[in-house]
Amino acid sequence: MNEARPPDVSVRVLVTGEATRLEFTARRRGVPPVRATLVGSDALLRVRQELDAGLTRLKDELTAFSVEDKDLNRVFQSLHGLGRTLLFILFGSQQAVLKELQRFWNEALPFGMNPGLPPPLVECVGGREGFLPLEFLPLFRMFPGPTVETPGDFATACHSLVGFSCVVRRAMLPAPVHGGTTLDTGPRGRVPARYLYYEHLEGAVEELAWFAEAGVSHIDLEGPYPDGADHGPGLAEQIFDPRLLLDGTQRELPDQVQHFACHCYTRSDDTLAAEIELSGAGRHSRTTLGALGADLVALGASQELRAFDLPLVMMNACGSGRMRAPGAPSFPYLFLMNGNRGFIGTETEIPDDIAAAFSKALYDRFLVRRIPLGRALLESRRHLLHTLRNPLGLTYAAYADPGLHVRPPPEENPHVAAPALP
């Protein structure tokens, strides 16, 4: 990792021909590591399948954009119950293992559930086939606790899950996160970004309006794409060379962020068949990951080596697009192997309105207020949790350095991050 300080907790997924093990180590002195063997060689696949099914059930229970007070306990019990089911798939009901893991987590991060203190940093490392849904695990408290009666109770109870208490940095082997920890700004201190979308999604239109209004002074937006032009770079070309403009010219500073607000489709049995569906100005495209990868190979072999950092990618898959949990790692793997600075995406399909609300909350913190990415992501999850009583911000995972931040232009004083919003 590129962060100045080491993680407070490291979680490593170790896969061998005999078994799959999890190794938990703490930076805090006096806390011994924990090593646990998973139940069955396919435990991680079964966990991802249950995560997909459990999130689908949870979304069906969220009948409105904002959860009403009378439904808070039911929603929390469903979310915490999903986390406990994932633990059962991983470790069975082995009491000694579960108690040791819960003890480790609280001793390693004794103030981890306190939102008034700087959040702990947790690093989770594993291969593409060894993905651990760490954010959903209630490792601070594996029992649900008292009945949730108020919004304050709801937020406090949800902090027992890792993703609402910790900044989580994911690393997918063998696809390292490339580039430095800063995004550069162009003229007038604006961050170059690109917008690729499916124009018939209300959330995608809402996000585009945010870039054009609230974000216009801070973000230099290229797009939206598709734009209806007969000529210009295609999808693979824009991913390979983020300096290309849609009119065929080139800007000096490449995209620092590429944002997809579109449909995505994944299959657990064939990652190359995963698809990105875009639409705009009467043009429509549906591209498989395999075809996109083949185009990137051709571009890489025929072009000069890129001497610039590639952008952070956010894939906000919403609407009826299916980001099935078992196949979701195919998208970060594509972009990380391309050399991108990082990837943010959902673990499964989420509603259009929630996707738009989350991305606006994230970019307000990350690109406007210029809070480092890891903290901005955590604050955005908490923002939805407090303002909407909606826990679906937990579905966003980041494969990027949590210290990634916007570099202030020379004439600008470094921004002092505003206090965290609830």
Protein backbone atom coordinates (compact mmCIF):
# COMPACT_ATOMS: atom_id res chain seq x y z
CA MET A 1 0.00 0.00 0.00
CA ASN A 2 1.04 3.59 -0.56
CA GLU A 3 -0.51 5.00 2.61
CA ALA A 4 1.94 6.59 5.04
CA ARG A 5 0.74 4.48 7.95
CA PRO A 6 0.34 0.70 7.95
CA PRO A 7 -3.11 -0.86 8.36
CA ASP A 8 -4.47 -1.39 11.86
CA VAL A 9 -5.63 -4.85 10.82
CA SER A 10 -4.58 -6.98 7.84
CA VAL A 11 -6.80 -9.78 6.55
CA ARG A 12 -5.30 -12.21 4.08
CA VAL A 13 -7.05 -14.96 2.15
CA LEU A 14 -4.64 -17.87 1.68
CA VAL A 15 -5.77 -20.49 -0.83
CA THR A 16 -3.87 -23.78 -1.19
CA GLY A 17 -4.70 -27.09 -2.79
CA GLU A 18 -5.70 -28.44 0.61
CA ALA A 19 -7.72 -25.64 2.20
CA THR A 20 -8.56 -21.95 2.32
CA ARG A 21 -7.44 -20.03 5.39
CA LEU A 22 -7.96 -16.53 6.71
CA GLU A 23 -5.14 -14.81 8.56
CA PHE A 24 -5.88 -11.79 10.77
CA THR A 25 -2.97 -9.72 12.10
CA ALA A 26 -3.06 -6.53 14.17
CA ARG A 27 -0.71 -3.57 14.34
CA ARG A 28 -1.58 -3.07 18.02
CA ARG A 29 0.99 -4.64 20.31
CA GLY A 30 0.01 -7.60 22.41
CA VAL A 31 -2.76 -8.81 20.08
CA PRO A 32 -1.85 -12.26 18.75
CA PRO A 33 -2.84 -13.12 15.17
CA VAL A 34 -5.76 -15.38 14.38
CA ARG A 35 -5.64 -18.06 11.70
CA ALA A 36 -8.79 -19.93 10.79
CA THR A 37 -9.48 -22.63 8.19
CA LEU A 38 -12.70 -22.21 6.26
CA VAL A 39 -15.33 -24.91 6.17
CA GLY A 40 -14.96 -26.50 2.76
CA SER A 41 -12.83 -25.53 -0.23
CA ASP A 42 -15.78 -23.74 -1.84
CA ALA A 43 -16.71 -21.63 1.21
CA LEU A 44 -15.82 -18.31 -0.45
CA LEU A 45 -17.91 -19.09 -3.52
CA ARG A 46 -20.85 -20.11 -1.33
CA VAL A 47 -20.42 -16.90 0.69
CA ARG A 48 -20.63 -14.79 -2.45
CA GLN A 49 -23.72 -16.65 -3.61
CA GLU A 50 -25.40 -16.11 -0.25
CA LEU A 51 -24.35 -12.46 -0.28
CA ASP A 52 -26.08 -12.01 -3.62
CA ALA A 53 -29.24 -13.77 -2.43
CA GLY A 54 -29.21 -11.96 0.92
CA LEU A 55 -28.78 -8.52 -0.63
CA THR A 56 -31.62 -9.26 -3.03
CA ARG A 57 -33.85 -10.11 -0.06
CA LEU A 58 -32.74 -6.98 1.77
CA LYS A 59 -33.46 -4.75 -1.23
CA ASP A 60 -36.93 -6.30 -1.49
CA GLU A 61 -37.54 -5.34 2.14
CA LEU A 62 -36.52 -1.71 1.50
CA THR A 63 -39.82 -0.66 0.00
CA ALA A 64 -38.92 3.04 -0.07
CA PHE A 65 -35.90 5.27 -0.71
CA SER A 66 -35.76 6.06 3.02
CA VAL A 67 -36.46 3.47 5.73
CA GLU A 68 -39.26 4.45 8.11
CA ASP A 69 -38.76 4.28 11.88
CA LYS A 70 -41.16 1.36 12.25
CA ASP A 71 -39.03 -0.73 9.88
CA LEU A 72 -35.60 0.01 11.37
CA ASN A 73 -35.40 -3.06 13.59
CA ARG A 74 -36.56 -5.38 10.81
CA VAL A 75 -34.00 -3.97 8.36
CA PHE A 76 -31.18 -4.20 10.89
CA GLN A 77 -32.07 -7.76 11.85
CA SER A 78 -32.04 -8.71 8.17
CA LEU A 79 -28.65 -7.05 7.58
CA HIS A 80 -27.04 -8.47 10.73
CA GLY A 81 -28.60 -11.86 10.04
CA LEU A 82 -27.02 -11.86 6.58
CA GLY A 83 -23.63 -11.15 8.16
CA ARG A 84 -24.07 -14.01 10.65
CA THR A 85 -25.07 -16.37 7.83
CA LEU A 86 -21.89 -15.46 5.99
CA LEU A 87 -19.89 -16.24 9.14
CA PHE A 88 -21.66 -19.59 9.44
CA ILE A 89 -20.73 -20.49 5.86
CA LEU A 90 -17.12 -19.50 6.53
CA PHE A 91 -16.57 -21.08 9.94
CA GLY A 92 -19.64 -23.17 10.74
CA SER A 93 -20.84 -22.80 14.32
CA GLN A 94 -17.41 -23.48 15.84
CA GLN A 95 -17.76 -21.53 19.07
CA ALA A 96 -14.04 -21.37 19.81
CA VAL A 97 -13.24 -19.91 16.39
CA LEU A 98 -16.05 -17.36 16.47
CA LYS A 99 -15.25 -16.16 19.99
CA GLU A 100 -11.54 -15.91 19.17
CA LEU A 101 -12.25 -13.86 16.05
CA GLN A 102 -14.65 -11.51 17.87
CA ARG A 103 -12.12 -11.09 20.69
CA PHE A 104 -9.33 -10.34 18.19
CA TRP A 105 -11.37 -7.69 16.40
CA ASN A 106 -12.27 -5.82 19.58
CA GLU A 107 -8.76 -6.04 21.05
CA ALA A 108 -7.12 -4.98 17.80
CA LEU A 109 -9.60 -2.09 17.28
CA PRO A 110 -10.85 -1.19 20.77
CA PHE A 111 -12.35 2.12 19.58
CA GLY A 112 -13.41 0.88 16.15
CA MET A 113 -17.15 1.33 16.74
CA ASN A 114 -16.80 4.94 17.92
CA PRO A 115 -17.76 7.21 14.97
CA GLY A 116 -16.37 10.24 16.80
CA LEU A 117 -12.78 8.97 16.42
CA PRO A 118 -10.69 8.52 13.27
CA PRO A 119 -11.74 5.22 11.71
CA PRO A 120 -9.36 2.24 11.71
CA LEU A 121 -7.72 1.18 8.47
CA VAL A 122 -8.21 -2.46 7.46
CA GLU A 123 -6.43 -4.08 4.54
CA CYS A 124 -8.03 -7.12 2.87
CA VAL A 125 -5.87 -9.06 0.42
CA GLY A 126 -6.92 -12.00 -1.72
CA GLY A 127 -7.09 -13.33 -5.24
CA ARG A 128 -9.95 -12.83 -7.66
CA GLU A 129 -11.37 -16.21 -6.66
CA GLY A 130 -10.71 -15.55 -2.98
CA PHE A 131 -12.90 -12.52 -2.38
CA LEU A 132 -14.01 -12.06 1.24
CA PRO A 133 -17.07 -9.79 1.78
CA LEU A 134 -15.42 -8.29 4.84
CA GLU A 135 -17.59 -5.15 4.97
CA PHE A 136 -20.73 -7.22 5.69
CA LEU A 137 -19.30 -9.23 8.60
CA PRO A 138 -20.44 -8.21 12.14
CA LEU A 139 -17.01 -8.89 13.63
CA PHE A 140 -17.28 -6.35 16.44
CA ARG A 141 -20.47 -7.96 17.75
CA MET A 142 -21.74 -11.23 16.32
CA PHE A 143 -24.96 -11.11 18.33
CA PRO A 144 -27.64 -8.62 17.25
CA GLY A 145 -28.07 -6.89 20.62
CA PRO A 146 -31.17 -5.04 21.86
CA THR A 147 -34.14 -4.12 19.70
CA VAL A 148 -33.54 -1.13 17.44
CA GLU A 149 -36.15 1.51 18.25
CA THR A 150 -34.74 4.84 17.03
CA PRO A 151 -32.60 6.09 14.12
CA GLY A 152 -29.76 6.56 16.61
CA ASP A 153 -30.09 2.94 17.72
CA PHE A 154 -30.05 1.88 14.08
CA ALA A 155 -26.81 3.71 13.27
CA THR A 156 -25.10 2.48 16.44
CA ALA A 157 -26.13 -1.11 15.81
CA CYS A 158 -24.92 -0.99 12.19
CA HIS A 159 -21.46 0.03 13.37
CA SER A 160 -20.97 -3.57 14.47
CA LEU A 161 -20.37 -4.33 10.77
CA VAL A 162 -16.87 -3.70 9.47
CA GLY A 163 -17.97 -1.58 6.52
CA PHE A 164 -19.69 1.03 8.70
CA SER A 165 -16.80 1.33 11.18
CA CYS A 166 -13.59 0.94 9.19
CA VAL A 167 -11.88 2.23 6.10
CA VAL A 168 -11.33 -0.93 4.05
CA ARG A 169 -8.59 -1.09 1.46
CA ARG A 170 -8.89 -4.04 -0.92
CA ALA A 171 -6.06 -5.57 -2.91
CA MET A 172 -6.79 -8.18 -5.57
CA LEU A 173 -3.87 -10.42 -6.46
CA PRO A 174 -2.22 -10.48 -8.95
CA ALA A 175 -3.68 -7.11 -9.99
CA PRO A 176 -1.88 -4.36 -8.05
CA VAL A 177 -3.16 -0.81 -7.65
CA HIS A 178 -0.99 1.41 -9.84
CA GLY A 179 -0.08 5.08 -9.71
CA GLY A 180 0.45 7.59 -6.94
CA THR A 181 -1.90 8.83 -4.25
CA THR A 182 -2.86 12.13 -5.86
CA LEU A 183 -5.29 13.19 -8.56
CA ASP A 184 -4.09 16.20 -10.54
CA THR A 185 -6.12 19.26 -11.41
CA GLY A 186 -6.21 21.21 -14.64
CA PRO A 187 -7.17 24.81 -15.41
CA ARG A 188 -8.96 26.60 -12.56
CA GLY A 189 -8.16 23.71 -10.25
CA ARG A 190 -10.76 21.36 -11.74
CA VAL A 191 -10.37 17.57 -11.82
CA PRO A 192 -10.62 16.06 -15.34
CA ALA A 193 -13.32 13.38 -15.36
CA ARG A 194 -15.28 11.39 -17.94
CA TYR A 195 -18.94 10.35 -17.81
CA LEU A 196 -20.18 7.19 -19.53
CA TYR A 197 -23.83 6.29 -19.07
CA TYR A 198 -27.11 4.63 -19.98
CA GLU A 199 -29.29 7.63 -20.71
CA HIS A 200 -32.65 6.03 -19.82
CA LEU A 201 -31.70 5.51 -16.17
CA GLU A 202 -33.16 8.30 -14.06
CA GLY A 203 -30.29 7.98 -11.61
CA ALA A 204 -27.73 8.38 -14.40
CA VAL A 205 -29.45 11.57 -15.57
CA GLU A 206 -29.55 12.81 -11.95
CA GLU A 207 -25.83 12.15 -11.53
CA LEU A 208 -25.03 13.97 -14.78
CA ALA A 209 -27.03 16.98 -13.57
CA TRP A 210 -24.99 17.02 -10.36
CA PHE A 211 -21.73 17.16 -12.33
CA ALA A 212 -23.12 20.03 -14.42
CA GLU A 213 -24.37 22.00 -11.40
CA ALA A 214 -22.90 21.31 -7.96
CA GLY A 215 -19.69 19.86 -9.38
CA VAL A 216 -19.07 22.24 -12.28
CA SER A 217 -16.58 24.48 -10.41
CA HIS A 218 -14.53 21.50 -9.25
CA ILE A 219 -14.77 18.96 -12.10
CA ASP A 220 -13.87 19.32 -15.80
CA LEU A 221 -16.29 16.78 -17.27
CA GLU A 222 -15.89 15.09 -20.66
CA GLY A 223 -19.06 13.48 -21.92
CA PRO A 224 -21.58 12.11 -21.61
CA TYR A 225 -20.69 9.14 -23.78
CA PRO A 226 -22.21 7.85 -26.06
CA ASP A 227 -22.75 11.28 -27.61
CA GLY A 228 -24.12 10.38 -31.05
CA ALA A 229 -21.01 11.40 -32.97
CA ASP A 230 -20.18 9.40 -36.11
CA HIS A 231 -16.47 9.58 -35.38
CA GLY A 232 -14.46 9.62 -32.21
CA PRO A 233 -12.85 7.16 -29.82
CA GLY A 234 -14.67 3.99 -28.85
CA LEU A 235 -15.04 2.58 -25.35
CA ALA A 236 -11.78 0.61 -25.30
CA GLU A 237 -9.84 3.58 -26.70
CA GLN A 238 -11.15 5.89 -23.97
CA ILE A 239 -10.23 3.37 -21.29
CA PHE A 240 -6.77 2.78 -22.77
CA ASP A 241 -5.96 6.46 -23.39
CA PRO A 242 -7.94 8.77 -21.07
CA ARG A 243 -6.45 11.84 -22.77
CA LEU A 244 -8.70 11.33 -25.82
CA LEU A 245 -11.63 13.71 -26.15
CA LEU A 246 -14.87 12.71 -27.81
CA ASP A 247 -14.24 15.09 -30.72
CA GLY A 248 -11.06 13.17 -31.58
CA THR A 249 -8.61 15.69 -30.12
CA GLN A 250 -6.47 15.16 -27.04
CA ARG A 251 -6.15 17.06 -23.78
CA GLU A 252 -2.86 17.41 -21.96
CA LEU A 253 -4.00 16.08 -18.59
CA PRO A 254 -5.73 12.67 -18.79
CA ASP A 255 -8.94 11.81 -17.00
CA GLN A 256 -8.36 11.44 -13.29
CA VAL A 257 -11.76 9.79 -12.79
CA GLN A 258 -13.93 7.77 -15.17
CA HIS A 259 -17.52 7.35 -13.99
CA PHE A 260 -19.85 4.69 -15.42
CA ALA A 261 -23.56 5.11 -14.66
CA CYS A 262 -24.92 2.22 -16.65
CA HIS A 263 -26.13 -1.36 -16.76
CA CYS A 264 -23.69 -4.13 -15.93
CA TYR A 265 -24.31 -7.84 -16.17
CA THR A 266 -22.20 -10.61 -14.66
CA ARG A 267 -22.27 -14.40 -14.65
CA SER A 268 -20.57 -16.50 -12.02
CA ASP A 269 -19.75 -19.26 -14.54
CA ASP A 270 -18.17 -17.10 -17.26
CA THR A 271 -16.46 -13.87 -16.27
CA LEU A 272 -15.56 -13.04 -19.89
CA ALA A 273 -19.29 -12.85 -20.65
CA ALA A 274 -19.78 -9.98 -18.18
CA GLU A 275 -21.18 -6.98 -20.05
CA ILE A 276 -21.27 -3.19 -19.91
CA GLU A 277 -24.34 -1.62 -21.53
CA LEU A 278 -24.22 2.05 -22.57
CA SER A 279 -26.75 4.27 -24.33
CA GLY A 280 -26.89 7.91 -25.36
CA ALA A 281 -28.02 10.22 -28.16
CA GLY A 282 -29.71 7.36 -29.99
CA ARG A 283 -26.66 5.11 -29.85
CA HIS A 284 -26.53 1.87 -27.91
CA SER A 285 -23.74 -0.58 -27.15
CA ARG A 286 -23.41 -3.75 -25.12
CA THR A 287 -19.80 -4.89 -24.77
CA THR A 288 -18.55 -8.08 -23.13
CA LEU A 289 -15.55 -8.07 -20.86
CA GLY A 290 -13.86 -10.54 -23.20
CA ALA A 291 -14.28 -8.27 -26.23
CA LEU A 292 -13.15 -5.23 -24.27
CA GLY A 293 -10.08 -7.11 -23.05
CA ALA A 294 -9.24 -8.17 -26.60
CA ASP A 295 -9.42 -4.54 -27.76
CA LEU A 296 -7.16 -3.45 -24.89
CA VAL A 297 -4.61 -6.11 -25.89
CA ALA A 298 -4.57 -4.77 -29.46
CA LEU A 299 -4.17 -1.19 -28.26
CA GLY A 300 -1.45 -2.11 -25.79
CA ALA A 301 0.56 -3.96 -28.43
CA SER A 302 0.29 -1.20 -31.05
CA GLN A 303 0.68 1.97 -28.95
CA GLU A 304 3.60 3.50 -27.07
CA LEU A 305 3.92 2.69 -23.38
CA ARG A 306 1.72 5.03 -21.37
CA ALA A 307 3.79 7.45 -19.31
CA PHE A 308 0.91 8.84 -17.24
CA ASP A 309 -1.24 7.56 -14.39
CA LEU A 310 -4.59 6.06 -15.39
CA PRO A 311 -7.81 7.22 -13.75
CA LEU A 312 -9.79 5.94 -10.82
CA VAL A 313 -12.85 4.11 -12.16
CA MET A 314 -16.26 4.13 -10.51
CA MET A 315 -18.84 1.74 -11.89
CA ASN A 316 -22.26 2.66 -10.58
CA ALA A 317 -24.31 -0.30 -11.82
CA CYS A 318 -27.95 0.42 -11.21
CA GLY A 319 -31.45 -0.10 -12.54
CA SER A 320 -32.04 -3.58 -13.93
CA GLY A 321 -28.36 -4.29 -14.52
CA ARG A 322 -27.30 -7.44 -12.72
CA MET A 323 -24.05 -7.25 -10.81
CA ARG A 324 -24.28 -10.78 -9.40
CA ALA A 325 -22.03 -11.15 -6.39
CA PRO A 326 -20.13 -14.26 -7.57
CA GLY A 327 -19.09 -12.55 -10.81
CA ALA A 328 -18.65 -8.97 -9.61
CA PRO A 329 -14.81 -9.19 -9.23
CA SER A 330 -14.53 -9.45 -13.02
CA PHE A 331 -14.93 -5.67 -13.40
CA PRO A 332 -12.26 -4.51 -10.92
CA TYR A 333 -9.93 -7.18 -12.31
CA LEU A 334 -10.31 -5.76 -15.83
CA PHE A 335 -9.46 -2.20 -14.80
CA LEU A 336 -6.72 -3.07 -12.33
CA MET A 337 -4.97 -5.25 -14.92
CA ASN A 338 -5.28 -2.30 -17.33
CA GLY A 339 -3.22 -0.30 -14.84
CA ASN A 340 -5.94 1.98 -13.48
CA ARG A 341 -5.43 3.88 -10.23
CA GLY A 342 -8.26 1.99 -8.60
CA PHE A 343 -11.83 0.76 -8.94
CA ILE A 344 -15.04 1.38 -6.97
CA GLY A 345 -18.10 -0.70 -7.64
CA THR A 346 -21.10 -2.38 -6.09
CA GLU A 347 -21.15 -5.98 -4.95
CA THR A 348 -24.57 -6.43 -6.48
CA GLU A 349 -27.31 -4.50 -8.26
CA ILE A 350 -28.71 -1.59 -6.29
CA PRO A 351 -31.72 0.67 -6.94
CA ASP A 352 -31.21 3.56 -9.32
CA ASP A 353 -32.07 6.29 -6.79
CA ILE A 354 -29.72 4.90 -4.13
CA ALA A 355 -26.89 4.64 -6.67
CA ALA A 356 -27.30 8.31 -7.56
CA ALA A 357 -27.52 9.39 -3.91
CA PHE A 358 -24.36 7.50 -3.03
CA SER A 359 -22.26 8.78 -5.93
CA LYS A 360 -23.26 12.39 -5.24
CA ALA A 361 -22.37 11.97 -1.57
CA LEU A 362 -19.02 10.41 -2.49
CA TYR A 363 -18.00 13.00 -5.09
CA ASP A 364 -19.07 15.87 -2.85
CA ARG A 365 -16.59 14.62 -0.27
CA PHE A 366 -13.85 13.32 -2.56
CA LEU A 367 -13.77 15.80 -5.46
CA VAL A 368 -15.39 18.93 -3.99
CA ARG A 369 -14.32 18.89 -0.32
CA ARG A 370 -11.23 16.82 -1.22
CA ILE A 371 -11.36 14.33 1.63
CA PRO A 372 -9.12 11.27 0.96
CA LEU A 373 -10.92 8.48 -0.82
CA GLY A 374 -11.09 5.92 1.99
CA ARG A 375 -12.57 8.36 4.48
CA ALA A 376 -14.89 9.82 1.82
CA LEU A 377 -16.24 6.36 1.01
CA LEU A 378 -16.89 5.54 4.67
CA GLU A 379 -18.54 8.93 5.29
CA SER A 380 -20.79 8.41 2.25
CA ARG A 381 -21.96 5.06 3.60
CA ARG A 382 -22.68 6.68 6.96
CA HIS A 383 -24.41 9.61 5.25
CA LEU A 384 -26.95 7.28 3.64
CA LEU A 385 -27.25 5.38 6.91
CA HIS A 386 -28.04 8.52 8.95
CA THR A 387 -30.04 10.61 6.48
CA LEU A 388 -32.00 7.85 4.71
CA ARG A 389 -31.65 5.02 7.28
CA ASN A 390 -30.56 3.05 4.22
CA PRO A 391 -27.68 0.53 4.57
CA LEU A 392 -27.05 -0.14 0.87
CA GLY A 393 -23.95 2.07 0.81
CA LEU A 394 -22.32 -1.03 2.29
CA THR A 395 -22.43 -2.66 -1.16
CA TYR A 396 -19.70 -0.33 -2.50
CA ALA A 397 -16.19 -1.81 -2.38
CA ALA A 398 -13.01 0.06 -3.26
CA TYR A 399 -9.89 -1.43 -4.80
CA ALA A 400 -7.79 1.69 -4.39
CA ASP A 401 -5.40 3.38 -2.02
CA PRO A 402 -7.54 4.98 0.72
CA GLY A 403 -5.08 7.87 0.82
CA LEU A 404 -5.87 8.84 -2.79
CA HIS A 405 -6.79 12.53 -2.85
CA VAL A 406 -7.01 15.58 -5.10
CA ARG A 407 -3.76 17.51 -5.27
CA PRO A 408 -4.40 21.24 -4.66
CA PRO A 409 -3.16 23.49 -7.48
CA PRO A 410 -0.13 25.65 -6.58
CA GLU A 411 -2.19 28.78 -5.94
CA GLU A 412 -4.63 26.96 -3.65
CA ASN A 413 -4.07 26.34 0.02
CA PRO A 414 -4.51 22.70 1.03
CA HIS A 415 -8.13 22.08 1.93
CA VAL A 416 -8.89 21.30 5.54
CA ALA A 417 -11.42 18.49 5.50
CA ALA A 418 -14.77 19.42 6.99
CA PRO A 419 -15.99 17.45 9.98
CA ALA A 420 -17.56 14.13 9.10
CA LEU A 421 -21.27 14.33 8.44
CA PRO A 422 -23.48 11.81 10.18
